[in-house]
């Protein structure tokens, strides 16, 4: 699959990948460089109010 870098540095993730990985709107990603590749890793961030309740 090939995609294009768009204005504002945006890249479209092909729908086959979005559906296959069950990604949702507003999904957050950790972005890193792996050799000559850009790596996007889905992440979950716990809301701060939940962290305070656990303390």
N, C-alpha and C. Protein backbone atom coordinates (compact mmCIF):
# COMPACT_ATOMS: atom_id res chain seq x y z
N UNK A 1 0.83 -1.18 0.00
CA UNK A 1 0.00 0.00 0.00
C UNK A 1 0.88 1.24 0.00
N UNK A 2 0.42 2.24 -0.69
CA UNK A 2 1.15 3.51 -0.77
C UNK A 2 0.19 4.63 -0.39
N UNK A 3 0.69 5.58 0.39
CA UNK A 3 -0.10 6.76 0.75
C UNK A 3 0.78 7.98 0.55
N UNK A 4 0.22 9.15 0.64
CA UNK A 4 0.93 10.39 0.33
C UNK A 4 0.95 11.31 1.55
N UNK A 5 2.06 12.01 1.75
CA UNK A 5 2.15 13.04 2.78
C UNK A 5 1.40 14.26 2.28
N UNK A 6 0.42 14.70 3.04
CA UNK A 6 -0.46 15.80 2.65
C UNK A 6 -0.06 17.09 3.37
N UNK A 7 -0.70 18.20 2.96
CA UNK A 7 -0.44 19.45 3.68
C UNK A 7 -0.65 19.24 5.19
N UNK A 8 0.03 19.98 5.97
CA UNK A 8 -0.02 19.88 7.43
C UNK A 8 0.55 18.55 7.92
N UNK A 9 1.38 17.89 7.11
CA UNK A 9 2.07 16.64 7.48
C UNK A 9 1.11 15.50 7.81
N UNK A 10 -0.02 15.42 7.14
CA UNK A 10 -1.00 14.37 7.39
C UNK A 10 -0.81 13.21 6.42
N UNK A 11 -1.03 11.99 6.94
CA UNK A 11 -0.97 10.77 6.14
C UNK A 11 -2.26 10.00 6.38
N UNK A 12 -2.86 9.48 5.31
CA UNK A 12 -4.07 8.66 5.45
C UNK A 12 -3.66 7.21 5.66
N UNK A 13 -4.22 6.59 6.70
CA UNK A 13 -3.98 5.17 6.94
C UNK A 13 -5.02 4.41 6.11
N UNK A 14 -4.59 3.50 5.23
CA UNK A 14 -5.55 2.78 4.39
C UNK A 14 -6.63 2.07 5.21
N UNK A 15 -7.85 2.04 4.67
CA UNK A 15 -8.99 1.48 5.40
C UNK A 15 -8.79 0.01 5.77
N UNK A 16 -8.05 -0.75 4.96
CA UNK A 16 -7.79 -2.15 5.31
C UNK A 16 -7.04 -2.26 6.63
N UNK A 17 -6.12 -1.34 6.86
CA UNK A 17 -5.34 -1.35 8.11
C UNK A 17 -6.21 -0.86 9.26
N UNK A 18 -6.96 0.22 9.04
CA UNK A 18 -7.84 0.76 10.08
C UNK A 18 -8.83 -0.30 10.54
N UNK A 19 -9.48 -0.96 9.59
CA UNK A 19 -10.46 -1.99 9.93
C UNK A 19 -9.81 -3.23 10.53
N UNK A 20 -8.69 -3.64 9.97
CA UNK A 20 -8.00 -4.84 10.45
C UNK A 20 -7.47 -4.70 11.86
N UNK A 21 -7.12 -3.48 12.25
CA UNK A 21 -6.58 -3.25 13.60
C UNK A 21 -7.64 -2.67 14.54
N UNK A 22 -8.88 -2.54 14.04
CA UNK A 22 -10.00 -2.04 14.85
C UNK A 22 -9.69 -0.66 15.44
N UNK A 23 -9.12 0.23 14.61
CA UNK A 23 -8.80 1.58 15.06
C UNK A 23 -10.07 2.42 15.05
N UNK A 24 -10.15 3.36 15.96
CA UNK A 24 -11.33 4.20 16.10
C UNK A 24 -10.97 5.67 15.88
N UNK A 25 -11.98 6.48 15.59
CA UNK A 25 -11.79 7.91 15.42
C UNK A 25 -11.14 8.49 16.68
N UNK A 26 -10.20 9.37 16.51
CA UNK A 26 -9.44 10.01 17.59
C UNK A 26 -8.47 9.07 18.30
N UNK A 27 -8.17 7.92 17.71
CA UNK A 27 -7.17 7.00 18.26
C UNK A 27 -5.85 7.74 18.42
N UNK A 28 -5.17 7.52 19.51
CA UNK A 28 -3.85 8.12 19.75
C UNK A 28 -2.77 7.13 19.35
N UNK A 29 -1.64 7.66 18.88
CA UNK A 29 -0.51 6.82 18.45
C UNK A 29 0.79 7.36 19.02
N UNK A 30 1.66 6.47 19.42
CA UNK A 30 3.05 6.83 19.69
C UNK A 30 3.75 6.78 18.33
N UNK A 31 4.54 7.79 18.01
CA UNK A 31 5.22 7.87 16.72
C UNK A 31 6.72 7.76 16.98
N UNK A 32 7.36 6.85 16.24
CA UNK A 32 8.80 6.67 16.41
C UNK A 32 9.44 6.34 15.07
N UNK A 33 10.76 6.38 15.05
CA UNK A 33 11.53 6.03 13.86
C UNK A 33 12.19 4.68 14.12
N UNK A 34 12.06 3.78 13.16
CA UNK A 34 12.64 2.44 13.25
C UNK A 34 13.46 2.21 11.98
N UNK A 35 14.75 2.54 12.05
CA UNK A 35 15.58 2.48 10.85
C UNK A 35 15.14 3.57 9.88
N UNK A 36 14.68 3.15 8.70
CA UNK A 36 14.18 4.10 7.70
C UNK A 36 12.66 4.08 7.64
N UNK A 37 12.00 3.59 8.70
CA UNK A 37 10.54 3.49 8.73
C UNK A 37 9.97 4.36 9.84
N UNK A 38 8.78 4.88 9.60
CA UNK A 38 8.03 5.61 10.62
C UNK A 38 7.06 4.61 11.24
N UNK A 39 7.09 4.48 12.54
CA UNK A 39 6.28 3.48 13.24
C UNK A 39 5.17 4.19 14.04
N UNK A 40 3.92 3.77 13.81
CA UNK A 40 2.77 4.28 14.56
C UNK A 40 2.27 3.14 15.44
N UNK A 41 2.26 3.36 16.75
CA UNK A 41 1.81 2.34 17.68
C UNK A 41 0.59 2.87 18.44
N UNK A 42 -0.58 2.21 18.29
CA UNK A 42 -1.76 2.68 19.01
C UNK A 42 -1.51 2.66 20.53
N UNK A 43 -1.97 3.70 21.22
CA UNK A 43 -1.81 3.77 22.67
C UNK A 43 -3.14 4.13 23.32
N UNK A 44 -3.27 3.74 24.56
CA UNK A 44 -4.42 4.10 25.39
C UNK A 44 -3.88 4.96 26.53
N UNK A 45 -4.48 6.11 26.75
CA UNK A 45 -4.07 6.98 27.85
C UNK A 45 -5.22 7.08 28.82
N UNK A 46 -4.93 6.78 30.06
CA UNK A 46 -5.94 6.82 31.12
C UNK A 46 -6.21 8.27 31.50
N UNK A 47 -7.48 8.67 31.57
CA UNK A 47 -7.79 10.04 31.99
C UNK A 47 -7.21 10.35 33.37
N UNK A 48 -6.76 11.59 33.56
CA UNK A 48 -6.08 11.96 34.80
C UNK A 48 -6.99 11.80 36.02
N UNK A 49 -8.29 12.00 35.89
CA UNK A 49 -9.17 11.87 37.05
C UNK A 49 -9.22 10.42 37.55
N UNK A 50 -9.04 9.45 36.66
CA UNK A 50 -9.00 8.05 37.10
C UNK A 50 -7.70 7.74 37.85
N UNK A 51 -6.60 8.35 37.40
CA UNK A 51 -5.33 8.14 38.10
C UNK A 51 -5.39 8.69 39.51
N UNK A 52 -6.00 9.86 39.68
CA UNK A 52 -6.12 10.46 41.02
C UNK A 52 -6.97 9.59 41.95
N UNK A 53 -8.01 8.98 41.41
CA UNK A 53 -8.91 8.14 42.23
C UNK A 53 -8.20 6.91 42.76
N UNK A 54 -7.21 6.40 42.06
CA UNK A 54 -6.49 5.18 42.46
C UNK A 54 -5.49 5.44 43.59
N UNK A 55 -5.09 6.69 43.78
CA UNK A 55 -4.07 7.01 44.79
C UNK A 55 -4.67 7.02 46.17
